[in-house]
Amino acid sequence: MANKSKKFEDNVGGRFYVDKECIACDACVLAAPDHFGMHPEDGHAFVVKQPSSPEEESQCTEALEGCPVEAIGNDGETGEG
């Protein structure tokens, strides 16, 4: 289970986030390419855009459920920050 106290600072503010357990497998980027990206230097994933529609929420949930190391959480802070 992802830990919001260990999330990457690269994540945009909001409920979904990626924590430091990420193994850079790219599964989240494949499931929700508009919402997850890979850090160009460190290679870890992070949230680039929070979902704003039910369809986008579904894509992010699919990414969360498909993460092999459970590094994606959906209990982050709402709003900016």
PDB file of N, CA and C in Angstrom:
ATOM      1  N   MET A   1       0.842  -1.183   0.000  1.00  0.00           N
ATOM      2  CA  MET A   1       0.000   0.000   0.000  1.00  0.00           C
ATOM      3  C   MET A   1       0.887   1.247   0.000  1.00  0.00           C
ATOM      4  N   ALA A   2       0.576   2.181  -0.861  1.00  0.00           N
ATOM      5  CA  ALA A   2       1.364   3.411  -0.980  1.00  0.00           C
ATOM      6  C   ALA A   2       1.276   4.234   0.306  1.00  0.00           C
ATOM      7  N   ASN A   3       2.347   4.974   0.559  1.00  0.00           N
ATOM      8  CA  ASN A   3       2.440   5.780   1.772  1.00  0.00           C
ATOM      9  C   ASN A   3       2.621   7.243   1.369  1.00  0.00           C
ATOM     10  N   LYS A   4       1.614   8.069   1.683  1.00  0.00           N
ATOM     11  CA  LYS A   4       1.683   9.465   1.243  1.00  0.00           C
ATOM     12  C   LYS A   4       2.808  10.242   1.906  1.00  0.00           C
ATOM     13  N   SER A   5       3.323   9.756   3.029  1.00  0.00           N
ATOM     14  CA  SER A   5       4.460  10.442   3.652  1.00  0.00           C
ATOM     15  C   SER A   5       5.762  10.159   2.911  1.00  0.00           C
ATOM     16  N   LYS A   6       5.723   9.199   1.967  1.00  0.00           N
ATOM     17  CA  LYS A   6       6.908   8.856   1.177  1.00  0.00           C
ATOM     18  C   LYS A   6       6.710   9.157  -0.310  1.00  0.00           C
ATOM     19  N   LYS A   7       5.723  10.004  -0.624  1.00  0.00           N
ATOM     20  CA  LYS A   7       5.466  10.284  -2.038  1.00  0.00           C
ATOM     21  C   LYS A   7       6.547  11.195  -2.620  1.00  0.00           C
ATOM     22  N   PHE A   8       6.765  11.050  -3.913  1.00  0.00           N
ATOM     23  CA  PHE A   8       7.726  11.894  -4.604  1.00  0.00           C
ATOM     24  C   PHE A   8       7.205  13.329  -4.663  1.00  0.00           C
ATOM     25  N   GLU A   9       8.098  14.273  -4.522  1.00  0.00           N
ATOM     26  CA  GLU A   9       7.721  15.687  -4.603  1.00  0.00           C
ATOM     27  C   GLU A   9       7.281  16.079  -6.011  1.00  0.00           C
ATOM     28  N   ASP A  10       7.623  15.273  -7.006  1.00  0.00           N
ATOM     29  CA  ASP A  10       7.261  15.556  -8.400  1.00  0.00           C
ATOM     30  C   ASP A  10       5.759  15.443  -8.644  1.00  0.00           C
ATOM     31  N   ASN A  11       5.049  14.702  -7.796  1.00  0.00           N
ATOM     32  CA  ASN A  11       3.607  14.531  -7.972  1.00  0.00           C
ATOM     33  C   ASN A  11       2.888  15.875  -7.893  1.00  0.00           C
ATOM     34  N   VAL A  12       1.915  16.089  -8.789  1.00  0.00           N
ATOM     35  CA  VAL A  12       1.071  17.274  -8.653  1.00  0.00           C
ATOM     36  C   VAL A  12       0.143  17.033  -7.468  1.00  0.00           C
ATOM     37  N   GLY A  13      -0.315  18.092  -6.841  1.00  0.00           N
ATOM     38  CA  GLY A  13      -1.190  17.964  -5.695  1.00  0.00           C
ATOM     39  C   GLY A  13      -2.499  17.276  -6.048  1.00  0.00           C
ATOM     40  N   GLY A  14      -3.030  16.530  -5.118  1.00  0.00           N
ATOM     41  CA  GLY A  14      -4.295  15.845  -5.324  1.00  0.00           C
ATOM     42  C   GLY A  14      -4.305  14.467  -4.708  1.00  0.00           C
ATOM     43  N   ARG A  15      -5.372  13.738  -4.938  1.00  0.00           N
ATOM     44  CA  ARG A  15      -5.541  12.428  -4.303  1.00  0.00           C
ATOM     45  C   ARG A  15      -4.549  11.373  -4.767  1.00  0.00           C
ATOM     46  N   PHE A  16      -4.292  11.297  -6.073  1.00  0.00           N
ATOM     47  CA  PHE A  16      -3.387  10.262  -6.582  1.00  0.00           C
ATOM     48  C   PHE A  16      -1.935  10.719  -6.460  1.00  0.00           C
ATOM     49  N   TYR A  17      -1.060   9.770  -6.157  1.00  0.00           N
ATOM     50  CA  TYR A  17       0.377  10.054  -6.036  1.00  0.00           C
ATOM     51  C   TYR A  17       1.153   8.756  -6.212  1.00  0.00           C
ATOM     52  N   VAL A  18       2.453   8.886  -6.443  1.00  0.00           N
ATOM     53  CA  VAL A  18       3.368   7.751  -6.509  1.00  0.00           C
ATOM     54  C   VAL A  18       4.376   7.938  -5.387  1.00  0.00           C
ATOM     55  N   ASP A  19       4.649   6.851  -4.648  1.00  0.00           N
ATOM     56  CA  ASP A  19       5.616   6.952  -3.552  1.00  0.00           C
ATOM     57  C   ASP A  19       6.956   6.336  -3.953  1.00  0.00           C
ATOM     58  N   LYS A  20       7.887   6.340  -3.028  1.00  0.00           N
ATOM     59  CA  LYS A  20       9.271   5.949  -3.308  1.00  0.00           C
ATOM     60  C   LYS A  20       9.489   4.447  -3.442  1.00  0.00           C
ATOM     61  N   GLU A  21       8.415   3.659  -3.426  1.00  0.00           N
ATOM     62  CA  GLU A  21       8.521   2.223  -3.695  1.00  0.00           C
ATOM     63  C   GLU A  21       8.515   1.936  -5.192  1.00  0.00           C
ATOM     64  N   CYS A  22       8.288   2.957  -6.013  1.00  0.00           N
ATOM     65  CA  CYS A  22       8.201   2.803  -7.466  1.00  0.00           C
ATOM     66  C   CYS A  22       9.464   2.138  -8.020  1.00  0.00           C
ATOM     67  N   ILE A  23       9.251   1.146  -8.896  1.00  0.00           N
ATOM     68  CA  ILE A  23      10.368   0.453  -9.537  1.00  0.00           C
ATOM     69  C   ILE A  23      10.500   0.827 -11.018  1.00  0.00           C
ATOM     70  N   ALA A  24       9.798   1.879 -11.429  1.00  0.00           N
ATOM     71  CA  ALA A  24       9.882   2.404 -12.802  1.00  0.00           C
ATOM     72  C   ALA A  24       9.519   1.363 -13.849  1.00  0.00           C
ATOM     73  N   CYS A  25       8.467   0.594 -13.593  1.00  0.00           N
ATOM     74  CA  CYS A  25       8.063  -0.445 -14.545  1.00  0.00           C
ATOM     75  C   CYS A  25       7.277   0.118 -15.723  1.00  0.00           C
ATOM     76  N   ASP A  26       6.764   1.338 -15.598  1.00  0.00           N
ATOM     77  CA  ASP A  26       6.054   2.022 -16.677  1.00  0.00           C
ATOM     78  C   ASP A  26       4.596   1.586 -16.831  1.00  0.00           C
ATOM     79  N   ALA A  27       4.096   0.697 -15.976  1.00  0.00           N
ATOM     80  CA  ALA A  27       2.723   0.204 -16.099  1.00  0.00           C
ATOM     81  C   ALA A  27       1.704   1.330 -15.949  1.00  0.00           C
ATOM     82  N   CYS A  28       1.947   2.262 -15.028  1.00  0.00           N
ATOM     83  CA  CYS A  28       0.991   3.358 -14.815  1.00  0.00           C
ATOM     84  C   CYS A  28       0.949   4.290 -16.017  1.00  0.00           C
ATOM     85  N   VAL A  29       2.077   4.515 -16.638  1.00  0.00           N
ATOM     86  CA  VAL A  29       2.137   5.384 -17.817  1.00  0.00           C
ATOM     87  C   VAL A  29       1.376   4.741 -18.975  1.00  0.00           C
ATOM     88  N   LEU A  30       1.454   3.431 -19.089  1.00  0.00           N
ATOM     89  CA  LEU A  30       0.719   2.730 -20.136  1.00  0.00           C
ATOM     90  C   LEU A  30      -0.784   2.755 -19.871  1.00  0.00           C
ATOM     91  N   ALA A  31      -1.196   2.653 -18.610  1.00  0.00           N
ATOM     92  CA  ALA A  31      -2.615   2.634 -18.250  1.00  0.00           C
ATOM     93  C   ALA A  31      -3.248   4.017 -18.329  1.00  0.00           C
ATOM     94  N   ALA A  32      -2.497   5.035 -17.931  1.00  0.00           N
ATOM     95  CA  ALA A  32      -3.046   6.405 -17.879  1.00  0.00           C
ATOM     96  C   ALA A  32      -1.972   7.399 -18.310  1.00  0.00           C
ATOM     97  N   PRO A  33      -1.641   7.425 -19.600  1.00  0.00           N
ATOM     98  CA  PRO A  33      -0.520   8.249 -20.083  1.00  0.00           C
ATOM     99  C   PRO A  33      -0.695   9.751 -19.894  1.00  0.00           C
ATOM    100  N   ASP A  34      -1.921  10.228 -19.776  1.00  0.00           N
ATOM    101  CA  ASP A  34      -2.133  11.658 -19.559  1.00  0.00           C
ATOM    102  C   ASP A  34      -1.961  12.048 -18.103  1.00  0.00           C
ATOM    103  N   HIS A  35      -1.842  11.056 -17.225  1.00  0.00           N
ATOM    104  CA  HIS A  35      -1.831  11.330 -15.791  1.00  0.00           C
ATOM    105  C   HIS A  35      -0.537  10.927 -15.084  1.00  0.00           C
ATOM    106  N   PHE A  36       0.213  10.016 -15.685  1.00  0.00           N
ATOM    107  CA  PHE A  36       1.471   9.566 -15.082  1.00  0.00           C
ATOM    108  C   PHE A  36       2.610   9.793 -16.057  1.00  0.00           C
ATOM    109  N   GLY A  37       3.751  10.166 -15.528  1.00  0.00           N
ATOM    110  CA  GLY A  37       4.945  10.359 -16.334  1.00  0.00           C
ATOM    111  C   GLY A  37       6.136   9.736 -15.637  1.00  0.00           C
ATOM    112  N   MET A  38       7.229   9.623 -16.373  1.00  0.00           N
ATOM    113  CA  MET A  38       8.463   9.082 -15.807  1.00  0.00           C
ATOM    114  C   MET A  38       9.470  10.211 -15.660  1.00  0.00           C
ATOM    115  N   HIS A  39      10.110  10.275 -14.511  1.00  0.00           N
ATOM    116  CA  HIS A  39      11.122  11.292 -14.266  1.00  0.00           C
ATOM    117  C   HIS A  39      12.293  11.042 -15.218  1.00  0.00           C
ATOM    118  N   PRO A  40      12.734  12.059 -15.956  1.00  0.00           N
ATOM    119  CA  PRO A  40      13.767  11.850 -16.978  1.00  0.00           C
ATOM    120  C   PRO A  40      15.140  11.480 -16.416  1.00  0.00           C
ATOM    121  N   GLU A  41      15.425  11.860 -15.191  1.00  0.00           N
ATOM    122  CA  GLU A  41      16.739  11.567 -14.614  1.00  0.00           C
ATOM    123  C   GLU A  41      16.703  10.390 -13.654  1.00  0.00           C
ATOM    124  N   ASP A  42      15.744  10.392 -12.724  1.00  0.00           N
ATOM    125  CA  ASP A  42      15.682   9.342 -11.711  1.00  0.00           C
ATOM    126  C   ASP A  42      14.943   8.096 -12.177  1.00  0.00           C
ATOM    127  N   GLY A  43      14.094   8.228 -13.192  1.00  0.00           N
ATOM    128  CA  GLY A  43      13.408   7.083 -13.748  1.00  0.00           C
ATOM    129  C   GLY A  43      12.156   6.629 -13.023  1.00  0.00           C
ATOM    130  N   HIS A  44      11.755   7.301 -11.953  1.00  0.00           N
ATOM    131  CA  HIS A  44      10.538   6.894 -11.245  1.00  0.00           C
ATOM    132  C   HIS A  44       9.308   7.559 -11.857  1.00  0.00           C
ATOM    133  N   ALA A  45       8.162   6.957 -11.609  1.00  0.00           N
ATOM    134  CA  ALA A  45       6.904   7.518 -12.082  1.00  0.00           C
ATOM    135  C   ALA A  45       6.405   8.576 -11.103  1.00  0.00           C
ATOM    136  N   PHE A  46       5.543   9.455 -11.604  1.00  0.00           N
ATOM    137  CA  PHE A  46       4.889  10.447 -10.755  1.00  0.00           C
ATOM    138  C   PHE A  46       3.626  10.932 -11.456  1.00  0.00           C
ATOM    139  N   VAL A  47       2.724  11.521 -10.691  1.00  0.00           N
ATOM    140  CA  VAL A  47       1.467  12.016 -11.236  1.00  0.00           C
ATOM    141  C   VAL A  47       1.704  13.387 -11.854  1.00  0.00           C
ATOM    142  N   VAL A  48       1.360  13.511 -13.132  1.00  0.00           N
ATOM    143  CA  VAL A  48       1.527  14.784 -13.832  1.00  0.00           C
ATOM    144  C   VAL A  48       0.220  15.562 -13.924  1.00  0.00           C
ATOM    145  N   LYS A  49      -0.916  14.845 -13.771  1.00  0.00           N
ATOM    146  CA  LYS A  49      -2.234  15.495 -13.849  1.00  0.00           C
ATOM    147  C   LYS A  49      -3.227  14.648 -13.071  1.00  0.00           C
ATOM    148  N   GLN A  50      -3.965  15.288 -12.192  1.00  0.00           N
ATOM    149  CA  GLN A  50      -5.016  14.591 -11.450  1.00  0.00           C
ATOM    150  C   GLN A  50      -6.231  14.395 -12.358  1.00  0.00           C
ATOM    151  N   PRO A  51      -7.016  13.338 -12.135  1.00  0.00           N
ATOM    152  CA  PRO A  51      -8.205  13.111 -12.957  1.00  0.00           C
ATOM    153  C   PRO A  51      -9.264  14.183 -12.718  1.00  0.00           C
ATOM    154  N   SER A  52      -9.990  14.514 -13.781  1.00  0.00           N
ATOM    155  CA  SER A  52     -11.044  15.526 -13.666  1.00  0.00           C
ATOM    156  C   SER A  52     -12.369  15.052 -14.251  1.00  0.00           C
ATOM    157  N   SER A  53     -12.460  13.775 -14.562  1.00  0.00           N
ATOM    158  CA  SER A  53     -13.714  13.206 -15.063  1.00  0.00           C
ATOM    159  C   SER A  53     -13.784  11.753 -14.601  1.00  0.00           C
ATOM    160  N   PRO A  54     -14.962  11.159 -14.642  1.00  0.00           N
ATOM    161  CA  PRO A  54     -15.073   9.744 -14.265  1.00  0.00           C
ATOM    162  C   PRO A  54     -14.191   8.827 -15.118  1.00  0.00           C
ATOM    163  N   GLU A  55     -14.068   9.122 -16.397  1.00  0.00           N
ATOM    164  CA  GLU A  55     -13.217   8.311 -17.274  1.00  0.00           C
ATOM    165  C   GLU A  55     -11.750   8.404 -16.852  1.00  0.00           C
ATOM    166  N   GLU A  56     -11.290   9.609 -16.562  1.00  0.00           N
ATOM    167  CA  GLU A  56      -9.912   9.799 -16.119  1.00  0.00           C
ATOM    168  C   GLU A  56      -9.685   9.141 -14.754  1.00  0.00           C
ATOM    169  N   GLU A  57     -10.663   9.235 -13.878  1.00  0.00           N
ATOM    170  CA  GLU A  57     -10.586   8.577 -12.565  1.00  0.00           C
ATOM    171  C   GLU A  57     -10.426   7.068 -12.747  1.00  0.00           C
ATOM    172  N   SER A  58     -11.164   6.520 -13.697  1.00  0.00           N
ATOM    173  CA  SER A  58     -11.090   5.096 -13.986  1.00  0.00           C
ATOM    174  C   SER A  58      -9.701   4.699 -14.488  1.00  0.00           C
ATOM    175  N   GLN A  59      -9.115   5.524 -15.348  1.00  0.00           N
ATOM    176  CA  GLN A  59      -7.765   5.241 -15.857  1.00  0.00           C
ATOM    177  C   GLN A  59      -6.742   5.265 -14.728  1.00  0.00           C
ATOM    178  N   CYS A  60      -6.850   6.244 -13.836  1.00  0.00           N
ATOM    179  CA  CYS A  60      -5.906   6.335 -12.716  1.00  0.00           C
ATOM    180  C   CYS A  60      -6.091   5.179 -11.746  1.00  0.00           C
ATOM    181  N   THR A  61      -7.327   4.757 -11.538  1.00  0.00           N
ATOM    182  CA  THR A  61      -7.592   3.602 -10.679  1.00  0.00           C
ATOM    183  C   THR A  61      -7.028   2.338 -11.305  1.00  0.00           C
ATOM    184  N   GLU A  62      -7.144   2.218 -12.627  1.00  0.00           N
ATOM    185  CA  GLU A  62      -6.556   1.073 -13.330  1.00  0.00           C
ATOM    186  C   GLU A  62      -5.043   1.052 -13.130  1.00  0.00           C
ATOM    187  N   ALA A  63      -4.412   2.218 -13.215  1.00  0.00           N
ATOM    188  CA  ALA A  63      -2.972   2.311 -12.989  1.00  0.00           C
ATOM    189  C   ALA A  63      -2.629   1.888 -11.557  1.00  0.00           C
ATOM    190  N   LEU A  64      -3.392   2.362 -10.597  1.00  0.00           N
ATOM    191  CA  LEU A  64      -3.169   2.019  -9.195  1.00  0.00           C
ATOM    192  C   LEU A  64      -3.270   0.510  -9.001  1.00  0.00           C
ATOM    193  N   GLU A  65      -4.328  -0.082  -9.532  1.00  0.00           N
ATOM    194  CA  GLU A  65      -4.545  -1.515  -9.362  1.00  0.00           C
ATOM    195  C   GLU A  65      -3.520  -2.357 -10.096  1.00  0.00           C
ATOM    196  N   GLY A  66      -2.929  -1.812 -11.165  1.00  0.00           N
ATOM    197  CA  GLY A  66      -1.942  -2.547 -11.941  1.00  0.00           C
ATOM    198  C   GLY A  66      -0.511  -2.389 -11.464  1.00  0.00           C
ATOM    199  N   CYS A  67      -0.295  -1.537 -10.481  1.00  0.00           N
ATOM    200  CA  CYS A  67       1.071  -1.316  -9.987  1.00  0.00           C
ATOM    201  C   CYS A  67       1.563  -2.557  -9.248  1.00  0.00           C
ATOM    202  N   PRO A  68       2.663  -3.166  -9.712  1.00  0.00           N
ATOM    203  CA  PRO A  68       3.125  -4.412  -9.097  1.00  0.00           C
ATOM    204  C   PRO A  68       3.702  -4.255  -7.694  1.00  0.00           C
ATOM    205  N   VAL A  69       4.061  -3.049  -7.310  1.00  0.00           N
ATOM    206  CA  VAL A  69       4.635  -2.835  -5.970  1.00  0.00           C
ATOM    207  C   VAL A  69       3.769  -1.926  -5.103  1.00  0.00           C
ATOM    208  N   GLU A  70       2.545  -1.651  -5.554  1.00  0.00           N
ATOM    209  CA  GLU A  70       1.597  -0.825  -4.811  1.00  0.00           C
ATOM    210  C   GLU A  70       2.176   0.534  -4.424  1.00  0.00           C
ATOM    211  N   ALA A  71       2.863   1.159  -5.385  1.00  0.00           N
ATOM    212  CA  ALA A  71       3.484   2.466  -5.143  1.00  0.00           C
ATOM    213  C   ALA A  71       2.557   3.630  -5.461  1.00  0.00           C
ATOM    214  N   ILE A  72       1.356   3.361  -5.951  1.00  0.00           N
ATOM    215  CA  ILE A  72       0.400   4.418  -6.281  1.00  0.00           C
ATOM    216  C   ILE A  72      -0.668   4.460  -5.208  1.00  0.00           C
ATOM    217  N   GLY A  73      -0.924   5.664  -4.710  1.00  0.00           N
ATOM    218  CA  GLY A  73      -1.961   5.850  -3.704  1.00  0.00           C
ATOM    219  C   GLY A  73      -3.039   6.778  -4.213  1.00  0.00           C
ATOM    220  N   ASN A  74      -4.196   6.727  -3.584  1.00  0.00           N
ATOM    221  CA  ASN A  74      -5.281   7.630  -3.941  1.00  0.00           C
ATOM    222  C   ASN A  74      -5.844   8.306  -2.701  1.00  0.00           C
ATOM    223  N   ASP A  75      -4.999   8.493  -1.713  1.00  0.00           N
ATOM    224  CA  ASP A  75      -5.428   9.101  -0.460  1.00  0.00           C
ATOM    225  C   ASP A  75      -4.616  10.363  -0.156  1.00  0.00           C
ATOM    226  N   GLY A  76      -4.088  10.977  -1.199  1.00  0.00           N
ATOM    227  CA  GLY A  76      -3.287  12.188  -0.997  1.00  0.00           C
ATOM    228  C   GLY A  76      -4.147  13.385  -0.671  1.00  0.00           C
ATOM    229  N   GLU A  77      -3.517  14.512  -0.555  1.00  0.00           N
ATOM    230  CA  GLU A  77      -4.217  15.758  -0.244  1.00  0.00           C
ATOM    231  C   GLU A  77      -5.057  16.192  -1.432  1.00  0.00           C
ATOM    232  N   THR A  78      -6.225  16.719  -1.167  1.00  0.00           N
ATOM    233  CA  THR A  78      -7.039  17.276  -2.232  1.00  0.00           C
ATOM    234  C   THR A  78      -6.598  18.707  -2.479  1.00  0.00           C
ATOM    235  N   GLY A  79      -6.770  19.153  -3.688  1.00  0.00           N
ATOM    236  CA  GLY A  79      -6.358  20.527  -4.018  1.00  0.00           C
ATOM    237  C   GLY A  79      -4.871  20.621  -4.283  1.00  0.00           C
ATOM    238  N   GLU A  80      -4.362  21.821  -4.292  1.00  0.00           N
ATOM    239  CA  GLU A  80      -2.948  22.045  -4.603  1.00  0.00           C
ATOM    240  C   GLU A  80      -2.080  21.799  -3.389  1.00  0.00           C
ATOM    241  N   GLY A  81      -0.816  21.388  -3.664  1.00  0.00           N
ATOM    242  CA  GLY A  81       0.122  21.243  -2.563  1.00  0.00           C
ATOM    243  C   GLY A  81       0.842  19.992  -2.510  1.00  0.00           C
TER     244      GLY A  81
END
